[in-house]
Amino acid sequence: MPNIAIELGKLSGSFGVKASYGEQQDLDGVTVLPVAATWAGYGGGSDDNGQGGGGGGGFSLPVGAYIRRGSEFRFAPNPVTLIAVLTPLVCVTGRALGYVIKRLKK
């Protein structure tokens, strides 16, 4: 039986932005380099009889892309991800601000 840690290590190299979106693209003098936040986790083990197993999983969240036109280089965020991240942040900030204002009035 192959060593599961080595096999999982080989697989983890293929996770990430390249696996989700591929290499950078060059179109008509414009270079697009995708950006993503990725997570991966693995687990494995065996019992006293030498029976073992393992598993793993990963997740990739598209953050945006770096775009280069000539000498201009900028970041273009993914609007869906931006909304998904900012919505809870705005809710928590609003509640905290309301709490602070309520305490200051007393």
N, C-alpha and C. Protein backbone atom coordinates (compact mmCIF):
# COMPACT_ATOMS: atom_id res chain seq x y z
N MET A 1 0.85 -1.18 0.00
CA MET A 1 0.00 0.00 0.00
C MET A 1 0.90 1.24 0.00
N PRO A 2 0.64 2.19 -0.92
CA PRO A 2 1.48 3.40 -0.98
C PRO A 2 1.26 4.28 0.25
N ASN A 3 2.25 5.09 0.54
CA ASN A 3 2.18 6.00 1.67
C ASN A 3 1.18 7.11 1.34
N ILE A 4 0.12 7.21 2.10
CA ILE A 4 -0.96 8.17 1.80
C ILE A 4 -0.49 9.61 1.92
N ALA A 5 0.44 9.89 2.82
CA ALA A 5 0.93 11.26 2.98
C ALA A 5 1.66 11.73 1.72
N ILE A 6 2.43 10.84 1.12
CA ILE A 6 3.14 11.20 -0.10
C ILE A 6 2.16 11.44 -1.24
N GLU A 7 1.17 10.57 -1.36
CA GLU A 7 0.17 10.71 -2.42
C GLU A 7 -0.63 12.01 -2.26
N LEU A 8 -1.02 12.34 -1.03
CA LEU A 8 -1.76 13.58 -0.80
C LEU A 8 -0.89 14.80 -1.06
N GLY A 9 0.39 14.69 -0.75
CA GLY A 9 1.32 15.78 -1.04
C GLY A 9 1.43 16.04 -2.53
N LYS A 10 1.44 14.99 -3.32
CA LYS A 10 1.49 15.13 -4.77
C LYS A 10 0.21 15.80 -5.30
N LEU A 11 -0.91 15.41 -4.74
CA LEU A 11 -2.19 15.98 -5.17
C LEU A 11 -2.32 17.46 -4.80
N SER A 12 -1.78 17.86 -3.64
CA SER A 12 -1.95 19.23 -3.18
C SER A 12 -1.28 20.24 -4.10
N GLY A 13 -0.29 19.81 -4.86
CA GLY A 13 0.37 20.71 -5.79
C GLY A 13 -0.53 21.14 -6.93
N SER A 14 -1.57 20.36 -7.21
CA SER A 14 -2.47 20.71 -8.30
C SER A 14 -3.65 21.56 -7.85
N PHE A 15 -3.80 21.78 -6.56
CA PHE A 15 -4.88 22.65 -6.07
C PHE A 15 -4.45 24.09 -6.21
N GLY A 16 -5.38 24.98 -6.11
CA GLY A 16 -5.04 26.40 -6.14
C GLY A 16 -5.61 27.08 -7.36
N VAL A 17 -5.06 28.23 -7.65
CA VAL A 17 -5.57 29.07 -8.74
C VAL A 17 -5.41 28.37 -10.08
N LYS A 18 -4.29 27.72 -10.31
CA LYS A 18 -4.08 27.04 -11.59
C LYS A 18 -5.13 25.97 -11.82
N ALA A 19 -5.47 25.22 -10.79
CA ALA A 19 -6.48 24.17 -10.94
C ALA A 19 -7.86 24.75 -11.17
N SER A 20 -8.13 25.90 -10.56
CA SER A 20 -9.46 26.51 -10.69
C SER A 20 -9.62 27.30 -11.98
N TYR A 21 -8.59 28.04 -12.36
CA TYR A 21 -8.73 29.00 -13.46
C TYR A 21 -7.72 28.85 -14.57
N GLY A 22 -6.68 28.03 -14.38
CA GLY A 22 -5.67 27.85 -15.40
C GLY A 22 -4.57 28.89 -15.32
N GLU A 23 -3.77 28.93 -16.36
CA GLU A 23 -2.64 29.85 -16.42
C GLU A 23 -3.12 31.26 -16.78
N GLN A 24 -2.21 32.22 -16.68
CA GLN A 24 -2.55 33.58 -17.09
C GLN A 24 -2.86 33.59 -18.58
N GLN A 25 -3.69 34.52 -18.99
CA GLN A 25 -4.11 34.63 -20.38
C GLN A 25 -3.59 35.93 -20.98
N ASP A 26 -3.12 35.87 -22.20
CA ASP A 26 -2.66 37.05 -22.93
C ASP A 26 -3.56 37.23 -24.15
N LEU A 27 -4.33 38.32 -24.17
CA LEU A 27 -5.26 38.58 -25.26
C LEU A 27 -5.07 40.01 -25.77
N ASP A 28 -4.65 40.15 -27.01
CA ASP A 28 -4.50 41.47 -27.65
C ASP A 28 -3.70 42.45 -26.79
N GLY A 29 -2.61 42.02 -26.23
CA GLY A 29 -1.76 42.91 -25.44
C GLY A 29 -2.23 43.11 -24.01
N VAL A 30 -3.30 42.43 -23.61
CA VAL A 30 -3.82 42.51 -22.23
C VAL A 30 -3.53 41.18 -21.54
N THR A 31 -2.86 41.25 -20.39
CA THR A 31 -2.56 40.06 -19.62
C THR A 31 -3.52 39.98 -18.44
N VAL A 32 -4.19 38.84 -18.28
CA VAL A 32 -5.12 38.62 -17.18
C VAL A 32 -4.57 37.49 -16.32
N LEU A 33 -4.33 37.78 -15.04
CA LEU A 33 -3.80 36.81 -14.10
C LEU A 33 -4.84 36.60 -13.00
N PRO A 34 -5.52 35.44 -12.97
CA PRO A 34 -6.57 35.21 -11.97
C PRO A 34 -6.00 35.06 -10.56
N VAL A 35 -6.79 35.49 -9.57
CA VAL A 35 -6.41 35.43 -8.17
C VAL A 35 -7.53 34.72 -7.41
N ALA A 36 -7.15 33.77 -6.55
CA ALA A 36 -8.14 33.04 -5.76
C ALA A 36 -7.55 32.72 -4.39
N ALA A 37 -8.45 32.59 -3.42
CA ALA A 37 -8.06 32.11 -2.09
C ALA A 37 -8.44 30.64 -2.04
N THR A 38 -7.50 29.78 -1.70
CA THR A 38 -7.77 28.36 -1.69
C THR A 38 -7.46 27.77 -0.32
N TRP A 39 -8.21 26.75 0.03
CA TRP A 39 -8.00 26.00 1.27
C TRP A 39 -8.03 24.53 0.92
N ALA A 40 -7.24 23.75 1.62
CA ALA A 40 -7.25 22.30 1.44
C ALA A 40 -6.96 21.65 2.78
N GLY A 41 -7.57 20.50 3.00
CA GLY A 41 -7.34 19.76 4.23
C GLY A 41 -7.34 18.27 3.97
N TYR A 42 -6.54 17.56 4.73
CA TYR A 42 -6.41 16.12 4.55
C TYR A 42 -6.41 15.44 5.91
N GLY A 43 -6.78 14.19 5.90
CA GLY A 43 -6.72 13.40 7.12
C GLY A 43 -6.49 11.95 6.75
N GLY A 44 -5.92 11.21 7.65
CA GLY A 44 -5.68 9.80 7.39
C GLY A 44 -5.33 9.09 8.68
N GLY A 45 -5.36 7.80 8.64
CA GLY A 45 -5.03 7.03 9.82
C GLY A 45 -5.11 5.55 9.54
N SER A 46 -4.76 4.76 10.54
CA SER A 46 -4.85 3.31 10.41
C SER A 46 -5.14 2.73 11.79
N ASP A 47 -5.64 1.49 11.77
CA ASP A 47 -5.92 0.81 13.03
C ASP A 47 -4.81 -0.18 13.34
N ASP A 48 -5.00 -0.99 14.39
CA ASP A 48 -3.97 -1.94 14.81
C ASP A 48 -3.73 -3.04 13.79
N ASN A 49 -4.71 -3.31 12.94
CA ASN A 49 -4.59 -4.38 11.95
C ASN A 49 -3.92 -3.91 10.65
N GLY A 50 -3.53 -2.66 10.60
CA GLY A 50 -2.89 -2.15 9.40
C GLY A 50 -3.87 -1.65 8.36
N GLN A 51 -5.15 -1.65 8.71
CA GLN A 51 -6.15 -1.11 7.79
C GLN A 51 -6.17 0.40 7.93
N GLY A 52 -6.08 1.09 6.83
CA GLY A 52 -6.02 2.54 6.90
C GLY A 52 -6.91 3.19 5.87
N GLY A 53 -6.99 4.47 6.00
CA GLY A 53 -7.79 5.24 5.07
C GLY A 53 -7.46 6.70 5.20
N GLY A 54 -7.96 7.44 4.30
CA GLY A 54 -7.71 8.87 4.33
C GLY A 54 -8.67 9.60 3.43
N GLY A 55 -8.62 10.87 3.51
CA GLY A 55 -9.50 11.68 2.68
C GLY A 55 -9.07 13.12 2.72
N GLY A 56 -9.68 13.89 1.91
CA GLY A 56 -9.33 15.29 1.88
C GLY A 56 -10.32 16.08 1.05
N GLY A 57 -10.15 17.35 1.08
CA GLY A 57 -11.02 18.21 0.30
C GLY A 57 -10.42 19.59 0.17
N GLY A 58 -10.97 20.35 -0.73
CA GLY A 58 -10.46 21.69 -0.94
C GLY A 58 -11.56 22.63 -1.38
N PHE A 59 -11.24 23.90 -1.36
CA PHE A 59 -12.20 24.94 -1.72
C PHE A 59 -11.43 26.08 -2.36
N SER A 60 -11.99 26.66 -3.39
CA SER A 60 -11.35 27.78 -4.06
C SER A 60 -12.36 28.90 -4.23
N LEU A 61 -11.99 30.10 -3.80
CA LEU A 61 -12.86 31.26 -3.87
C LEU A 61 -12.25 32.28 -4.82
N PRO A 62 -12.92 32.59 -5.94
CA PRO A 62 -12.36 33.56 -6.88
C PRO A 62 -12.38 34.96 -6.28
N VAL A 63 -11.22 35.57 -6.16
CA VAL A 63 -11.10 36.89 -5.55
C VAL A 63 -11.13 37.99 -6.61
N GLY A 64 -10.54 37.73 -7.76
CA GLY A 64 -10.50 38.72 -8.83
C GLY A 64 -9.39 38.39 -9.80
N ALA A 65 -8.86 39.43 -10.44
CA ALA A 65 -7.78 39.23 -11.41
C ALA A 65 -6.92 40.47 -11.48
N TYR A 66 -5.63 40.24 -11.70
CA TYR A 66 -4.72 41.33 -12.02
C TYR A 66 -4.73 41.49 -13.53
N ILE A 67 -4.88 42.73 -13.99
CA ILE A 67 -4.96 43.02 -15.41
C ILE A 67 -3.84 43.98 -15.77
N ARG A 68 -3.08 43.62 -16.81
CA ARG A 68 -1.98 44.48 -17.25
C ARG A 68 -2.20 44.86 -18.71
N ARG A 69 -2.28 46.17 -18.95
CA ARG A 69 -2.35 46.73 -20.29
C ARG A 69 -1.15 47.64 -20.47
N GLY A 70 -0.20 47.21 -21.24
CA GLY A 70 1.01 48.01 -21.41
C GLY A 70 1.72 48.20 -20.08
N SER A 71 1.84 49.45 -19.62
CA SER A 71 2.50 49.73 -18.34
C SER A 71 1.49 49.85 -17.20
N GLU A 72 0.19 49.82 -17.50
CA GLU A 72 -0.84 49.91 -16.46
C GLU A 72 -1.08 48.53 -15.86
N PHE A 73 -1.08 48.46 -14.54
CA PHE A 73 -1.28 47.20 -13.82
C PHE A 73 -2.31 47.47 -12.73
N ARG A 74 -3.45 46.79 -12.76
CA ARG A 74 -4.50 47.04 -11.76
C ARG A 74 -5.15 45.74 -11.33
N PHE A 75 -5.84 45.80 -10.20
CA PHE A 75 -6.57 44.65 -9.68
C PHE A 75 -8.06 44.87 -9.91
N ALA A 76 -8.74 43.90 -10.49
CA ALA A 76 -10.18 43.95 -10.71
C ALA A 76 -10.84 42.91 -9.81
N PRO A 77 -11.53 43.34 -8.73
CA PRO A 77 -12.14 42.37 -7.82
C PRO A 77 -13.35 41.69 -8.45
N ASN A 78 -13.63 40.48 -7.99
CA ASN A 78 -14.82 39.75 -8.39
C ASN A 78 -16.00 40.34 -7.61
N PRO A 79 -17.00 40.93 -8.28
CA PRO A 79 -18.09 41.60 -7.55
C PRO A 79 -18.92 40.66 -6.68
N VAL A 80 -19.11 39.43 -7.09
CA VAL A 80 -19.90 38.48 -6.29
C VAL A 80 -19.18 38.17 -4.99
N THR A 81 -17.88 37.91 -5.07
CA THR A 81 -17.09 37.65 -3.87
C THR A 81 -17.03 38.87 -2.97
N LEU A 82 -16.89 40.04 -3.57
CA LEU A 82 -16.84 41.28 -2.81
C LEU A 82 -18.12 41.48 -2.00
N ILE A 83 -19.26 41.24 -2.62
CA ILE A 83 -20.55 41.37 -1.92
C ILE A 83 -20.67 40.32 -0.82
N ALA A 84 -20.25 39.08 -1.11
CA ALA A 84 -20.33 38.01 -0.12
C ALA A 84 -19.47 38.29 1.10
N VAL A 85 -18.34 38.94 0.90
CA VAL A 85 -17.45 39.25 2.02
C VAL A 85 -17.91 40.50 2.76
N LEU A 86 -18.37 41.51 2.03
CA LEU A 86 -18.74 42.77 2.67
C LEU A 86 -20.08 42.74 3.39
N THR A 87 -21.01 41.89 2.97
CA THR A 87 -22.33 41.86 3.61
C THR A 87 -22.24 41.56 5.10
N PRO A 88 -21.59 40.48 5.53
CA PRO A 88 -21.48 40.25 6.98
C PRO A 88 -20.68 41.34 7.69
N LEU A 89 -19.66 41.87 7.02
CA LEU A 89 -18.85 42.93 7.63
C LEU A 89 -19.69 44.18 7.88
N VAL A 90 -20.52 44.56 6.93
CA VAL A 90 -21.39 45.73 7.09
C VAL A 90 -22.41 45.48 8.19
N CYS A 91 -22.97 44.27 8.26
CA CYS A 91 -23.95 43.95 9.31
C CYS A 91 -23.34 44.04 10.70
N VAL A 92 -22.16 43.46 10.88
CA VAL A 92 -21.50 43.49 12.18
C VAL A 92 -21.10 44.92 12.55
N THR A 93 -20.58 45.67 11.58
CA THR A 93 -20.19 47.05 11.83
C THR A 93 -21.40 47.89 12.22
N GLY A 94 -22.53 47.70 11.54
CA GLY A 94 -23.75 48.43 11.87
C GLY A 94 -24.25 48.13 13.26
N ARG A 95 -24.23 46.85 13.65
CA ARG A 95 -24.67 46.48 15.00
C ARG A 95 -23.73 47.07 16.06
N ALA A 96 -22.43 46.98 15.80
CA ALA A 96 -21.46 47.51 16.76
C ALA A 96 -21.60 49.03 16.90
N LEU A 97 -21.78 49.71 15.79
CA LEU A 97 -21.96 51.16 15.82
C LEU A 97 -23.24 51.53 16.56
N GLY A 98 -24.31 50.78 16.33
CA GLY A 98 -25.56 51.03 17.05
C GLY A 98 -25.38 50.83 18.55
N TYR A 99 -24.64 49.80 18.94
CA TYR A 99 -24.38 49.53 20.35
C TYR A 99 -23.57 50.66 20.97
N VAL A 100 -22.55 51.14 20.27
CA VAL A 100 -21.71 52.22 20.79
C VAL A 100 -22.52 53.50 20.95
N ILE A 101 -23.35 53.85 19.97
CA ILE A 101 -24.17 55.05 20.04
C ILE A 101 -25.15 54.94 21.18
N LYS A 102 -25.75 53.77 21.37
CA LYS A 102 -26.71 53.56 22.45
C LYS A 102 -26.04 53.76 23.82
N ARG A 103 -24.81 53.27 23.96
CA ARG A 103 -24.07 53.41 25.21
C ARG A 103 -23.64 54.85 25.45
N LEU A 104 -23.30 55.56 24.40
CA LEU A 104 -22.87 56.95 24.55
C LEU A 104 -24.02 57.87 24.94
N LYS A 105 -25.25 57.51 24.57
CA LYS A 105 -26.42 58.33 24.91
C LYS A 105 -26.73 58.25 26.39
N LYS A 106 -26.33 57.20 27.07
CA LYS A 106 -26.65 57.04 28.50
C LYS A 106 -25.81 57.91 29.35
